[in-house]
Amino acid sequence: MEMFDSVMVFMLAGLAAATVMSYRSGNEKRDVGFLAALTTLWGAGTAAALLA
């Protein structure tokens, strides 16, 4: 795994943790949904980078 891949994986983990914390703290659904969508897109990019 290269440095770029490692950064993408750790960023994905951070986004996922932020999404869970945002949901549990009772933030607005719109904001949590936006963060979840961003996490999903980042996850798709990370998967594509790791598989390429």
N, C-alpha and C. Protein backbone atom coordinates (compact mmCIF):
# COMPACT_ATOMS: atom_id res chain seq x y z
N MET A 1 0.85 -1.18 0.00
CA MET A 1 0.00 0.00 0.00
C MET A 1 0.90 1.24 0.00
N GLU A 2 0.59 2.14 -0.88
CA GLU A 2 1.38 3.35 -0.99
C GLU A 2 0.88 4.41 -0.02
N MET A 3 1.62 5.48 0.07
CA MET A 3 1.27 6.58 0.97
C MET A 3 -0.09 7.17 0.62
N PHE A 4 -0.35 7.36 -0.67
CA PHE A 4 -1.62 7.92 -1.12
C PHE A 4 -2.80 7.05 -0.68
N ASP A 5 -2.65 5.74 -0.82
CA ASP A 5 -3.70 4.82 -0.41
C ASP A 5 -3.93 4.87 1.10
N SER A 6 -2.85 4.95 1.85
CA SER A 6 -2.96 5.02 3.31
C SER A 6 -3.71 6.28 3.75
N VAL A 7 -3.40 7.39 3.11
CA VAL A 7 -4.07 8.66 3.45
C VAL A 7 -5.56 8.55 3.14
N MET A 8 -5.88 7.95 2.00
CA MET A 8 -7.30 7.81 1.63
C MET A 8 -8.05 6.91 2.62
N VAL A 9 -7.42 5.83 3.06
CA VAL A 9 -8.07 4.92 4.00
C VAL A 9 -8.29 5.61 5.35
N PHE A 10 -7.29 6.34 5.84
CA PHE A 10 -7.45 7.02 7.13
C PHE A 10 -8.46 8.16 7.04
N MET A 11 -8.53 8.84 5.91
CA MET A 11 -9.53 9.88 5.70
C MET A 11 -10.93 9.27 5.69
N LEU A 12 -11.07 8.10 5.06
CA LEU A 12 -12.35 7.40 5.05
C LEU A 12 -12.77 7.02 6.47
N ALA A 13 -11.84 6.53 7.25
CA ALA A 13 -12.15 6.16 8.64
C ALA A 13 -12.57 7.40 9.44
N GLY A 14 -11.91 8.51 9.23
CA GLY A 14 -12.27 9.75 9.92
C GLY A 14 -13.65 10.25 9.52
N LEU A 15 -13.95 10.19 8.22
CA LEU A 15 -15.27 10.61 7.76
C LEU A 15 -16.37 9.70 8.31
N ALA A 16 -16.10 8.40 8.34
CA ALA A 16 -17.09 7.47 8.88
C ALA A 16 -17.33 7.73 10.37
N ALA A 17 -16.26 7.99 11.11
CA ALA A 17 -16.41 8.28 12.54
C ALA A 17 -17.16 9.59 12.75
N ALA A 18 -16.86 10.60 11.94
CA ALA A 18 -17.56 11.88 12.05
C ALA A 18 -19.04 11.73 11.73
N THR A 19 -19.36 10.88 10.77
CA THR A 19 -20.76 10.65 10.41
C THR A 19 -21.51 10.00 11.57
N VAL A 20 -20.91 9.00 12.17
CA VAL A 20 -21.55 8.32 13.31
C VAL A 20 -21.72 9.27 14.49
N MET A 21 -20.68 10.04 14.80
CA MET A 21 -20.78 10.99 15.92
C MET A 21 -21.83 12.07 15.65
N SER A 22 -21.90 12.51 14.41
CA SER A 22 -22.89 13.52 14.04
C SER A 22 -24.31 12.98 14.18
N TYR A 23 -24.50 11.75 13.77
CA TYR A 23 -25.83 11.13 13.88
C TYR A 23 -26.22 10.95 15.34
N ARG A 24 -25.29 10.47 16.14
CA ARG A 24 -25.60 10.20 17.56
C ARG A 24 -25.78 11.46 18.38
N SER A 25 -25.16 12.57 17.96
CA SER A 25 -25.28 13.80 18.73
C SER A 25 -26.55 14.56 18.39
N GLY A 26 -27.30 14.07 17.39
CA GLY A 26 -28.60 14.67 17.10
C GLY A 26 -28.55 15.86 16.16
N ASN A 27 -27.56 15.92 15.30
CA ASN A 27 -27.51 17.00 14.31
C ASN A 27 -28.66 16.87 13.33
N GLU A 28 -28.88 17.93 12.55
CA GLU A 28 -29.97 17.91 11.58
C GLU A 28 -29.78 16.79 10.58
N LYS A 29 -30.90 16.19 10.17
CA LYS A 29 -30.83 15.08 9.22
C LYS A 29 -30.17 15.48 7.91
N ARG A 30 -30.42 16.71 7.49
CA ARG A 30 -29.84 17.19 6.23
C ARG A 30 -28.32 17.20 6.31
N ASP A 31 -27.78 17.66 7.43
CA ASP A 31 -26.33 17.71 7.60
C ASP A 31 -25.72 16.31 7.70
N VAL A 32 -26.39 15.43 8.44
CA VAL A 32 -25.90 14.06 8.57
C VAL A 32 -25.96 13.35 7.22
N GLY A 33 -27.02 13.60 6.47
CA GLY A 33 -27.14 13.01 5.14
C GLY A 33 -26.06 13.48 4.19
N PHE A 34 -25.73 14.77 4.27
CA PHE A 34 -24.65 15.31 3.44
C PHE A 34 -23.32 14.66 3.80
N LEU A 35 -23.06 14.53 5.08
CA LEU A 35 -21.82 13.90 5.53
C LEU A 35 -21.77 12.42 5.13
N ALA A 36 -22.90 11.74 5.22
CA ALA A 36 -22.96 10.34 4.81
C ALA A 36 -22.73 10.20 3.30
N ALA A 37 -23.29 11.12 2.52
CA ALA A 37 -23.07 11.08 1.07
C ALA A 37 -21.61 11.33 0.74
N LEU A 38 -21.00 12.28 1.41
CA LEU A 38 -19.58 12.56 1.20
C LEU A 38 -18.73 11.35 1.57
N THR A 39 -19.06 10.70 2.67
CA THR A 39 -18.34 9.50 3.09
C THR A 39 -18.48 8.39 2.07
N THR A 40 -19.68 8.24 1.52
CA THR A 40 -19.92 7.20 0.51
C THR A 40 -19.10 7.46 -0.74
N LEU A 41 -19.09 8.70 -1.20
CA LEU A 41 -18.30 9.04 -2.38
C LEU A 41 -16.81 8.84 -2.14
N TRP A 42 -16.35 9.23 -0.97
CA TRP A 42 -14.94 9.05 -0.64
C TRP A 42 -14.61 7.56 -0.56
N GLY A 43 -15.52 6.77 -0.01
CA GLY A 43 -15.31 5.32 0.05
C GLY A 43 -15.24 4.69 -1.32
N ALA A 44 -16.07 5.16 -2.24
CA ALA A 44 -16.02 4.64 -3.60
C ALA A 44 -14.69 5.00 -4.26
N GLY A 45 -14.23 6.21 -4.04
CA GLY A 45 -12.93 6.63 -4.58
C GLY A 45 -11.78 5.83 -3.98
N THR A 46 -11.87 5.58 -2.70
CA THR A 46 -10.83 4.80 -2.04
C THR A 46 -10.80 3.37 -2.56
N ALA A 47 -11.97 2.79 -2.71
CA ALA A 47 -12.04 1.42 -3.25
C ALA A 47 -11.47 1.36 -4.67
N ALA A 48 -11.80 2.36 -5.47
CA ALA A 48 -11.26 2.38 -6.84
C ALA A 48 -9.75 2.55 -6.84
N ALA A 49 -9.24 3.35 -5.94
CA ALA A 49 -7.77 3.56 -5.88
C ALA A 49 -7.06 2.30 -5.39
N LEU A 50 -7.68 1.60 -4.46
CA LEU A 50 -7.03 0.39 -3.92
C LEU A 50 -7.08 -0.77 -4.92
N LEU A 51 -8.12 -0.81 -5.73
CA LEU A 51 -8.26 -1.90 -6.69
C LEU A 51 -7.51 -1.65 -8.00
N ALA A 52 -7.16 -0.41 -8.23
CA ALA A 52 -6.48 -0.08 -9.51
C ALA A 52 -5.00 -0.37 -9.47
